[in-house]
Amino acid sequence: MVKLWRFLSVSIVAAVCLGLLLLSAALPKAVSGSPPADEWSYEIQPSTTSVGLNEDFTVNVSAVCYEGNSSSYFLAVVFNSTLLNVTGVDTPGSLPNGDIPSMSPGYPKWSNTTGMVANQYSIQPPYEPPYVDETFTMCTIHFRSLDVSGTSDLKFANVDVTNTTKIKYRATDTTNWTKVVNGTVKVGLPPTISVSPHNLTFNAIEAGENPPDQTLELCNSGAGTLSWSLTDNAGWLSETPTSGSLGGGECEDVTVSVDVTGMESGDYSAAITITGSLEMAVNLHVESATPVEPVEPANLSASSLSISPQQVEPGQEVTISINVANTGGETGSYNAVLYINGVVEDSQSVSVEPGTSKNVIFTVSKSQAGVYDVSLAGQSGQFEVVNTGWSGGGGLSTGGIIAIVVVVIALIVALVFILRRTRREV
């Protein structure tokens, strides 16, 4: 009999272990993320985006640190050699970690024939900390525009295996190419005026104060010097200044003012003409000084709580709604908060126009049987979840069911064995 109980115990333990193993295999596994890599990038920063013919300008190339440390730097920048020539490259005298840059032989170098400039250096050997961990100007490139008009891109390049733009940390390439910022320079383009915004609107009250001044921005989006002037066609409108000059890529603010003295209520329009051809609209609305009847504010109220159905099975949806009415004179906003058993379940904000109403509808479901108290907009009610039978909707997975079946089979086998052994002994 002792042997029988030992066999029975071993069978039950084996069955439970097997079931737990199958159940654990059915559960989702947690995935751990890897730490972020070093992130550096390059950014081209021209001293101007528009130059005339045969003019000098500079381009700063910044090594931008987003995260991590770096130890060596290489870049290759391509440009349009029919529009630009490189006249020199400046390397910083020291790095942010205090090192003097350890230059690679033959760098910096450039070719005004192929249109490429390159530079390469690192921290001082033996390349040990402190490394560089902040943004700095990797180098400054000196350009001179030629006597041909056009637009030249300034782009970081991967020219070949040797000339590949990169930033390294202990021989690991850390440049994030999704963050590289290239540049462009316009060469010898004619001066072109642009204005922002394209129209202005002022609002004032009849016999009241003048509206606040507004700002108009004028820019030269071309190259060379642009002389500008502006005029308007309305006595109530004025500008300061009314003329000036702008270099390539430069901008200037103009203050626009309105004087409503003696003006009756109504809508007025005028135009500002810039440099004889470009026009922009100016609109003025003068409101009547006559008092306006006050509008009754919004008056919101909630009623007619509805819960349907009031008895459901676990997991079945229950629709809960309330009617929000606005009997006031202005549009109002109502925030309906649904409480289930005293705890916030959900909330909705609705806008209700004057003289109208809106239904605010919530849908909830509960998996546990029981009576649930509902509170919404100061009104209360209940719904009941009735457990009508076993349901696997929120219970075991396929692995869990298999585990239970295995345990039951093992128990049956053990019971049959006991019965046969008992009969033999009798």
Protein backbone atom coordinates (compact mmCIF):
# COMPACT_ATOMS: atom_id res chain seq x y z
CA MET A 1 0.00 0.00 0.00
CA VAL A 2 2.95 2.35 0.74
CA LYS A 3 4.39 1.67 -2.71
CA LEU A 4 0.99 2.44 -4.19
CA TRP A 5 0.84 5.84 -2.49
CA ARG A 6 4.45 6.61 -3.54
CA PHE A 7 3.56 5.83 -7.15
CA LEU A 8 0.44 7.96 -6.89
CA SER A 9 2.40 10.90 -5.40
CA VAL A 10 5.10 10.73 -8.07
CA SER A 11 2.45 10.62 -10.84
CA ILE A 12 0.62 13.65 -9.47
CA VAL A 13 3.84 15.68 -9.04
CA ALA A 14 4.98 14.79 -12.58
CA ALA A 15 1.62 15.76 -14.04
CA VAL A 16 1.58 19.11 -12.20
CA CYS A 17 5.17 19.91 -13.30
CA LEU A 18 4.34 19.06 -16.90
CA GLY A 19 1.24 21.23 -16.76
CA LEU A 20 3.13 24.17 -15.29
CA LEU A 21 5.81 23.78 -17.98
CA LEU A 22 3.21 23.91 -20.76
CA LEU A 23 1.45 26.83 -19.08
CA SER A 24 4.68 28.85 -18.77
CA ALA A 25 5.46 28.17 -22.43
CA ALA A 26 2.12 29.72 -23.34
CA LEU A 27 2.84 32.99 -21.47
CA PRO A 28 4.45 35.99 -23.26
CA LYS A 29 8.17 36.59 -22.70
CA ALA A 30 9.53 40.00 -21.58
CA VAL A 31 11.95 41.59 -24.05
CA SER A 32 14.74 43.78 -22.67
CA GLY A 33 15.97 46.70 -24.79
CA SER A 34 19.60 47.36 -25.62
CA PRO A 35 21.26 50.59 -24.43
CA PRO A 36 21.34 53.45 -26.94
CA ALA A 37 24.45 53.82 -29.14
CA ASP A 38 26.63 56.92 -29.35
CA GLU A 39 24.97 59.54 -31.56
CA TRP A 40 26.96 62.23 -33.37
CA SER A 41 26.37 64.11 -36.57
CA TYR A 42 27.66 66.93 -38.78
CA GLU A 43 26.03 70.26 -39.63
CA ILE A 44 27.03 72.81 -42.30
CA GLN A 45 26.55 76.44 -41.25
CA PRO A 46 27.30 78.97 -44.04
CA SER A 47 28.02 82.54 -42.89
CA THR A 48 25.58 83.63 -45.62
CA THR A 49 23.13 81.81 -47.85
CA SER A 50 23.46 84.30 -50.73
CA VAL A 51 26.64 85.89 -52.14
CA GLY A 52 27.45 88.08 -55.10
CA LEU A 53 30.00 87.30 -57.79
CA ASN A 54 33.66 87.02 -56.72
CA GLU A 55 32.90 87.35 -53.00
CA ASP A 56 34.52 85.59 -50.03
CA PHE A 57 32.52 83.79 -47.35
CA THR A 58 33.03 81.04 -44.77
CA VAL A 59 31.29 77.82 -43.82
CA ASN A 60 31.54 76.37 -40.31
CA VAL A 61 31.28 72.59 -40.06
CA SER A 62 30.03 71.57 -36.61
CA ALA A 63 30.42 68.12 -35.05
CA VAL A 64 27.12 67.79 -33.18
CA CYS A 65 26.98 65.57 -30.08
CA TYR A 66 23.62 64.05 -29.21
CA GLU A 67 25.01 61.34 -26.92
CA GLY A 68 28.32 59.64 -26.10
CA ASN A 69 32.01 60.40 -26.65
CA SER A 70 34.16 60.72 -29.77
CA SER A 71 37.85 60.39 -30.54
CA SER A 72 38.41 61.08 -34.26
CA TYR A 73 36.74 62.99 -37.09
CA PHE A 74 36.74 62.83 -40.88
CA LEU A 75 34.63 64.70 -43.37
CA ALA A 76 34.40 65.11 -47.11
CA VAL A 77 32.25 67.99 -48.41
CA VAL A 78 31.34 68.31 -52.09
CA PHE A 79 30.45 71.61 -53.80
CA ASN A 80 29.82 73.00 -57.29
CA SER A 81 33.30 73.97 -58.50
CA THR A 82 31.87 76.00 -61.40
CA LEU A 83 30.35 78.39 -58.83
CA LEU A 84 32.71 78.15 -55.84
CA ASN A 85 36.38 77.64 -55.04
CA VAL A 86 37.96 76.72 -51.70
CA THR A 87 40.69 79.15 -50.59
CA GLY A 88 41.58 77.53 -47.25
CA VAL A 89 40.51 75.39 -44.30
CA ASP A 90 40.98 76.35 -40.64
CA THR A 91 41.31 73.62 -37.99
CA PRO A 92 40.65 74.63 -34.35
CA GLY A 93 43.71 75.19 -32.18
CA SER A 94 42.33 72.98 -29.43
CA LEU A 95 39.51 70.50 -28.82
CA PRO A 96 36.92 70.70 -26.02
CA ASN A 97 38.88 68.05 -24.06
CA GLY A 98 41.99 70.31 -24.10
CA ASP A 99 43.92 68.34 -26.76
CA ILE A 100 45.61 69.95 -29.76
CA PRO A 101 44.11 68.15 -32.80
CA SER A 102 46.33 65.31 -34.01
CA MET A 103 46.23 65.95 -37.78
CA SER A 104 46.31 63.09 -40.30
CA PRO A 105 49.10 63.43 -42.90
CA GLY A 106 48.07 65.47 -45.94
CA TYR A 107 44.99 67.05 -44.33
CA PRO A 108 43.19 69.36 -44.75
CA LYS A 109 43.04 69.04 -48.54
CA TRP A 110 40.74 70.17 -51.33
CA SER A 111 40.28 70.11 -55.09
CA ASN A 112 38.65 73.00 -56.97
CA THR A 113 38.62 70.76 -60.04
CA THR A 114 36.50 67.91 -58.66
CA GLY A 115 34.74 70.09 -56.07
CA MET A 116 35.66 68.37 -52.82
CA VAL A 117 37.25 69.45 -49.53
CA ALA A 118 38.31 67.04 -46.80
CA ASN A 119 39.73 67.22 -43.29
CA GLN A 120 40.76 64.55 -40.77
CA TYR A 121 42.21 64.56 -37.25
CA SER A 122 41.79 62.95 -33.85
CA ILE A 123 42.49 63.49 -30.16
CA GLN A 124 46.08 62.99 -29.09
CA PRO A 125 47.45 59.39 -29.03
CA PRO A 126 47.17 56.95 -27.34
CA TYR A 127 43.48 57.88 -27.77
CA GLU A 128 42.51 57.53 -24.14
CA PRO A 129 40.03 59.55 -22.06
CA PRO A 130 39.12 62.28 -21.74
CA TYR A 131 37.30 62.00 -25.06
CA VAL A 132 35.20 64.80 -26.59
CA ASP A 133 31.59 64.76 -25.41
CA GLU A 134 30.17 68.09 -26.65
CA THR A 135 29.35 69.90 -29.88
CA PHE A 136 32.17 71.95 -31.40
CA THR A 137 33.32 73.51 -34.71
CA MET A 138 35.22 70.73 -36.45
CA CYS A 139 36.67 73.13 -39.07
CA THR A 140 35.97 76.35 -41.00
CA ILE A 141 36.08 76.25 -44.82
CA HIS A 142 36.88 79.48 -46.73
CA PHE A 143 35.12 79.82 -50.09
CA ARG A 144 35.18 82.40 -52.87
CA SER A 145 32.33 82.69 -55.37
CA LEU A 146 33.20 82.78 -59.09
CA ASP A 147 31.70 84.97 -61.82
CA VAL A 148 28.88 82.48 -62.63
CA SER A 149 25.37 82.67 -61.15
CA GLY A 150 23.63 79.66 -59.71
CA THR A 151 23.03 77.63 -56.54
CA SER A 152 25.66 75.34 -55.05
CA ASP A 153 24.84 72.55 -52.63
CA LEU A 154 27.26 72.00 -49.77
CA LYS A 155 26.91 68.31 -48.92
CA PHE A 156 28.70 65.79 -46.77
CA ALA A 157 29.83 62.93 -48.95
CA ASN A 158 30.88 59.30 -48.90
CA VAL A 159 33.22 59.52 -51.87
CA ASP A 160 34.99 56.18 -51.52
CA VAL A 161 36.27 53.77 -48.86
CA THR A 162 38.99 56.22 -47.81
CA ASN A 163 37.02 59.47 -48.11
CA THR A 164 33.97 58.61 -46.03
CA THR A 165 32.48 61.27 -43.74
CA LYS A 166 32.36 59.86 -40.20
CA ILE A 167 32.90 60.44 -36.50
CA LYS A 168 34.52 57.68 -34.48
CA TYR A 169 34.64 56.50 -30.88
CA ARG A 170 37.49 54.04 -30.38
CA ALA A 171 37.32 52.95 -34.07
CA THR A 172 33.53 52.59 -34.06
CA ASP A 173 31.63 54.73 -36.59
CA THR A 174 29.04 56.75 -34.60
CA THR A 175 27.74 59.23 -37.20
CA ASN A 176 23.94 59.15 -37.35
CA TRP A 177 23.23 60.00 -41.00
CA THR A 178 19.56 60.74 -40.36
CA LYS A 179 20.70 63.88 -38.50
CA VAL A 180 23.32 65.22 -40.97
CA VAL A 181 22.46 68.79 -42.01
CA ASN A 182 23.69 69.95 -45.42
CA GLY A 183 23.61 73.49 -46.83
CA THR A 184 23.21 75.59 -49.98
CA VAL A 185 24.61 78.93 -51.16
CA LYS A 186 23.11 81.12 -53.91
CA VAL A 187 25.74 82.78 -56.07
CA GLY A 188 25.27 85.97 -58.10
CA LEU A 189 21.45 85.83 -58.16
CA PRO A 190 19.72 89.19 -58.67
CA PRO A 191 18.36 90.96 -55.56
CA THR A 192 14.81 89.79 -54.90
CA ILE A 193 12.44 91.32 -52.35
CA SER A 194 10.03 89.25 -50.28
CA VAL A 195 7.54 90.32 -47.62
CA SER A 196 5.98 88.61 -44.62
CA PRO A 197 3.15 88.46 -43.74
CA HIS A 198 1.33 88.91 -47.04
CA ASN A 199 -1.53 90.92 -45.48
CA LEU A 200 -2.37 92.75 -42.24
CA THR A 201 -5.67 93.09 -40.35
CA PHE A 202 -6.38 95.72 -37.66
CA ASN A 203 -9.39 95.93 -35.31
CA ALA A 204 -10.51 99.05 -33.43
CA ILE A 205 -13.54 100.58 -31.69
CA GLU A 206 -15.22 103.72 -32.99
CA ALA A 207 -13.90 106.82 -31.16
CA GLY A 208 -11.62 104.55 -29.18
CA GLU A 209 -7.86 104.01 -29.03
CA ASN A 210 -5.75 103.14 -32.05
CA PRO A 211 -5.06 99.41 -32.46
CA PRO A 212 -1.54 98.13 -31.66
CA ASP A 213 1.14 98.52 -34.33
CA GLN A 214 2.06 95.52 -36.44
CA THR A 215 5.37 94.48 -38.03
CA LEU A 216 6.10 93.86 -41.68
CA GLU A 217 9.34 91.99 -42.54
CA LEU A 218 11.14 92.80 -45.80
CA CYS A 219 13.93 90.46 -47.01
CA ASN A 220 16.39 90.25 -49.90
CA SER A 221 16.22 86.59 -50.92
CA GLY A 222 18.75 87.12 -53.74
CA ALA A 223 22.34 88.38 -53.87
CA GLY A 224 23.78 91.87 -54.14
CA THR A 225 22.26 95.05 -52.70
CA LEU A 226 18.52 95.74 -52.87
CA SER A 227 17.21 99.32 -52.50
CA TRP A 228 13.57 99.42 -51.45
CA SER A 229 10.81 101.94 -50.77
CA LEU A 230 7.13 101.72 -49.94
CA THR A 231 3.99 103.85 -50.20
CA ASP A 232 0.31 103.41 -49.26
CA ASN A 233 -3.03 104.72 -50.54
CA ALA A 234 -4.87 105.53 -47.26
CA GLY A 235 -4.68 108.53 -44.93
CA TRP A 236 -5.27 106.38 -41.84
CA LEU A 237 -2.24 104.19 -42.62
CA SER A 238 1.49 104.91 -42.02
CA GLU A 239 4.81 103.00 -42.08
CA THR A 240 8.23 103.47 -40.48
CA PRO A 241 10.74 103.42 -42.18
CA THR A 242 9.58 103.94 -45.75
CA SER A 243 12.87 103.15 -47.54
CA GLY A 244 16.21 101.39 -47.06
CA SER A 245 18.65 98.88 -48.54
CA LEU A 246 19.27 95.18 -47.93
CA GLY A 247 22.27 92.98 -48.68
CA GLY A 248 21.91 89.41 -49.90
CA GLY A 249 19.97 87.35 -47.36
CA GLU A 250 19.32 90.37 -45.09
CA CYS A 251 15.94 91.38 -43.61
CA GLU A 252 14.48 94.53 -42.04
CA ASP A 253 11.33 95.18 -39.99
CA VAL A 254 8.85 97.92 -40.93
CA THR A 255 6.35 99.18 -38.32
CA VAL A 256 2.81 99.64 -39.70
CA SER A 257 0.43 101.94 -37.77
CA VAL A 258 -3.27 102.84 -38.05
CA ASP A 259 -4.98 106.07 -36.86
CA VAL A 260 -8.78 105.72 -36.41
CA THR A 261 -9.38 109.30 -35.24
CA GLY A 262 -12.72 110.52 -36.64
CA MET A 263 -13.46 107.24 -38.45
CA GLU A 264 -16.97 105.77 -38.33
CA SER A 265 -17.69 102.11 -37.74
CA GLY A 266 -17.24 99.89 -40.77
CA ASP A 267 -14.69 97.94 -42.80
CA TYR A 268 -11.82 99.68 -44.61
CA SER A 269 -9.14 98.38 -46.95
CA ALA A 270 -5.88 99.78 -48.30
CA ALA A 271 -2.67 98.58 -49.97
CA ILE A 272 1.03 99.07 -49.30
CA THR A 273 3.13 99.13 -52.46
CA ILE A 274 6.74 97.96 -52.01
CA THR A 275 9.50 98.94 -54.48
CA GLY A 276 6.92 100.02 -57.04
CA SER A 277 5.50 96.58 -57.86
CA LEU A 278 4.85 94.33 -54.85
CA GLU A 279 1.52 95.02 -53.12
CA MET A 280 0.12 93.75 -49.84
CA ALA A 281 -3.41 94.26 -48.47
CA VAL A 282 -4.23 96.03 -45.19
CA ASN A 283 -7.71 95.58 -43.69
CA LEU A 284 -9.26 97.64 -40.88
CA HIS A 285 -12.45 96.84 -38.99
CA VAL A 286 -13.91 99.62 -36.79
CA GLU A 287 -16.50 98.33 -34.35
CA SER A 288 -19.50 100.45 -33.39
CA ALA A 289 -19.27 102.08 -29.97
CA THR A 290 -23.02 101.41 -29.35
CA PRO A 291 -23.45 99.10 -26.37
CA VAL A 292 -24.40 95.57 -27.34
CA GLU A 293 -27.06 93.69 -25.45
CA PRO A 294 -25.32 91.20 -23.17
CA VAL A 295 -25.76 87.59 -24.17
CA GLU A 296 -27.01 85.19 -21.56
CA PRO A 297 -24.20 82.76 -20.71
CA ALA A 298 -24.44 79.05 -21.33
CA ASN A 299 -26.68 77.14 -18.94
CA LEU A 300 -25.91 73.42 -19.04
CA SER A 301 -27.81 70.67 -17.27
CA ALA A 302 -27.73 66.88 -17.45
CA SER A 303 -30.70 64.50 -17.19
CA SER A 304 -32.17 61.17 -18.32
CA LEU A 305 -29.50 58.71 -17.19
CA SER A 306 -29.84 55.49 -19.20
CA ILE A 307 -28.20 52.11 -18.46
CA SER A 308 -28.82 49.33 -21.01
CA PRO A 309 -28.94 46.42 -20.51
CA GLN A 310 -29.05 46.38 -16.74
CA GLN A 311 -28.08 42.71 -16.48
CA VAL A 312 -25.25 41.23 -18.56
CA GLU A 313 -22.82 38.35 -18.63
CA PRO A 314 -19.08 38.85 -17.94
CA GLY A 315 -17.39 40.77 -20.74
CA GLN A 316 -20.71 41.91 -22.28
CA GLU A 317 -20.95 45.65 -23.04
CA VAL A 318 -23.22 48.03 -21.14
CA THR A 319 -24.23 51.36 -22.68
CA ILE A 320 -24.50 54.27 -20.23
CA SER A 321 -25.73 57.64 -21.49
CA ILE A 322 -26.83 61.04 -20.24
CA ASN A 323 -28.54 63.95 -22.00
CA VAL A 324 -26.87 67.38 -21.71
CA ALA A 325 -29.02 70.40 -22.56
CA ASN A 326 -28.01 74.08 -22.97
CA THR A 327 -30.80 76.56 -22.16
CA GLY A 328 -28.46 79.58 -22.18
CA GLY A 329 -27.51 82.03 -24.93
CA GLU A 330 -23.92 80.95 -25.64
CA THR A 331 -22.24 77.69 -26.59
CA GLY A 332 -20.98 75.85 -23.53
CA SER A 333 -18.70 72.94 -22.77
CA TYR A 334 -19.74 70.15 -20.40
CA ASN A 335 -17.36 67.56 -18.93
CA ALA A 336 -19.21 64.34 -18.09
CA VAL A 337 -17.35 62.05 -15.68
CA LEU A 338 -18.50 58.44 -15.30
CA TYR A 339 -17.93 56.74 -11.93
CA ILE A 340 -18.23 52.97 -11.43
CA ASN A 341 -18.29 51.91 -7.76
CA GLY A 342 -17.00 55.36 -6.79
CA VAL A 343 -13.96 55.20 -9.12
CA VAL A 344 -13.55 57.30 -12.29
CA GLU A 345 -14.16 54.97 -15.24
CA ASP A 346 -14.13 57.45 -18.15
CA SER A 347 -14.89 61.06 -19.07
CA GLN A 348 -16.04 63.01 -22.12
CA SER A 349 -16.20 66.73 -22.88
CA VAL A 350 -18.95 67.92 -25.23
CA SER A 351 -19.73 71.33 -26.71
CA VAL A 352 -23.42 72.20 -26.71
CA GLU A 353 -24.85 75.09 -28.73
CA PRO A 354 -27.60 77.36 -27.31
CA GLY A 355 -31.08 75.77 -27.30
CA THR A 356 -29.81 72.28 -28.15
CA SER A 357 -28.92 69.07 -26.34
CA LYS A 358 -26.48 66.22 -26.85
CA ASN A 359 -26.34 62.62 -25.69
CA VAL A 360 -23.09 61.64 -24.00
CA ILE A 361 -22.61 57.89 -24.41
CA PHE A 362 -20.19 55.58 -22.59
CA THR A 363 -19.63 51.87 -23.24
CA VAL A 364 -18.22 49.69 -20.44
CA SER A 365 -17.75 45.99 -19.77
CA LYS A 366 -16.82 44.08 -16.62
CA SER A 367 -15.45 40.55 -16.32
CA GLN A 368 -16.28 39.97 -12.65
CA ALA A 369 -19.79 39.06 -11.51
CA GLY A 370 -21.49 41.47 -9.17
CA VAL A 371 -23.59 44.64 -8.88
CA TYR A 372 -21.93 47.83 -10.14
CA ASP A 373 -23.01 51.29 -8.95
CA VAL A 374 -23.08 53.95 -11.67
CA SER A 375 -22.78 57.70 -11.05
CA LEU A 376 -22.89 60.19 -13.94
CA ALA A 377 -23.58 63.93 -13.80
CA GLY A 378 -25.10 63.70 -10.30
CA GLN A 379 -27.40 60.83 -11.27
CA SER A 380 -27.00 57.24 -10.17
CA GLY A 381 -28.02 53.75 -11.21
CA GLN A 382 -26.82 50.15 -11.31
CA PHE A 383 -26.12 47.23 -13.59
CA GLU A 384 -25.41 43.61 -12.65
CA VAL A 385 -22.93 41.15 -14.13
CA VAL A 386 -24.29 37.60 -13.78
CA ASN A 387 -21.95 34.62 -14.10
CA THR A 388 -24.13 32.11 -16.01
CA GLY A 389 -21.43 29.49 -16.46
CA TRP A 390 -17.77 28.82 -17.02
CA SER A 391 -16.21 31.02 -19.69
CA GLY A 392 -12.67 31.09 -21.01
CA GLY A 393 -12.94 34.63 -22.36
CA GLY A 394 -10.79 36.17 -19.62
CA GLY A 395 -9.27 32.98 -18.23
CA LEU A 396 -6.82 30.42 -19.40
CA SER A 397 -4.98 30.36 -22.68
CA THR A 398 -4.61 27.20 -24.83
CA GLY A 399 -1.51 26.28 -22.85
CA GLY A 400 -3.44 26.57 -19.58
CA ILE A 401 -6.25 24.29 -20.83
CA ILE A 402 -3.72 21.67 -21.98
CA ALA A 403 -2.11 21.79 -18.54
CA ILE A 404 -5.44 21.12 -16.79
CA VAL A 405 -6.25 18.22 -19.17
CA VAL A 406 -2.85 16.62 -18.48
CA VAL A 407 -3.39 16.85 -14.70
CA VAL A 408 -6.91 15.30 -14.96
CA ILE A 409 -5.65 12.40 -17.14
CA ALA A 410 -2.84 11.72 -14.68
CA LEU A 411 -5.30 11.61 -11.78
CA ILE A 412 -7.59 9.21 -13.70
CA VAL A 413 -4.67 6.89 -14.51
CA ALA A 414 -3.60 6.90 -10.87
CA LEU A 415 -7.16 6.15 -9.71
CA VAL A 416 -7.51 3.23 -12.15
CA PHE A 417 -4.20 1.80 -10.94
CA ILE A 418 -5.35 2.02 -7.30
CA LEU A 419 -8.63 0.28 -8.05
CA ARG A 420 -6.90 -2.60 -9.90
CA ARG A 421 -4.32 -3.03 -7.14
CA THR A 422 -7.05 -3.04 -4.52
CA ARG A 423 -9.00 -5.74 -6.37
CA ARG A 424 -5.93 -7.95 -6.65
CA GLU A 425 -5.20 -7.67 -2.95
CA VAL A 426 -8.81 -8.59 -2.15
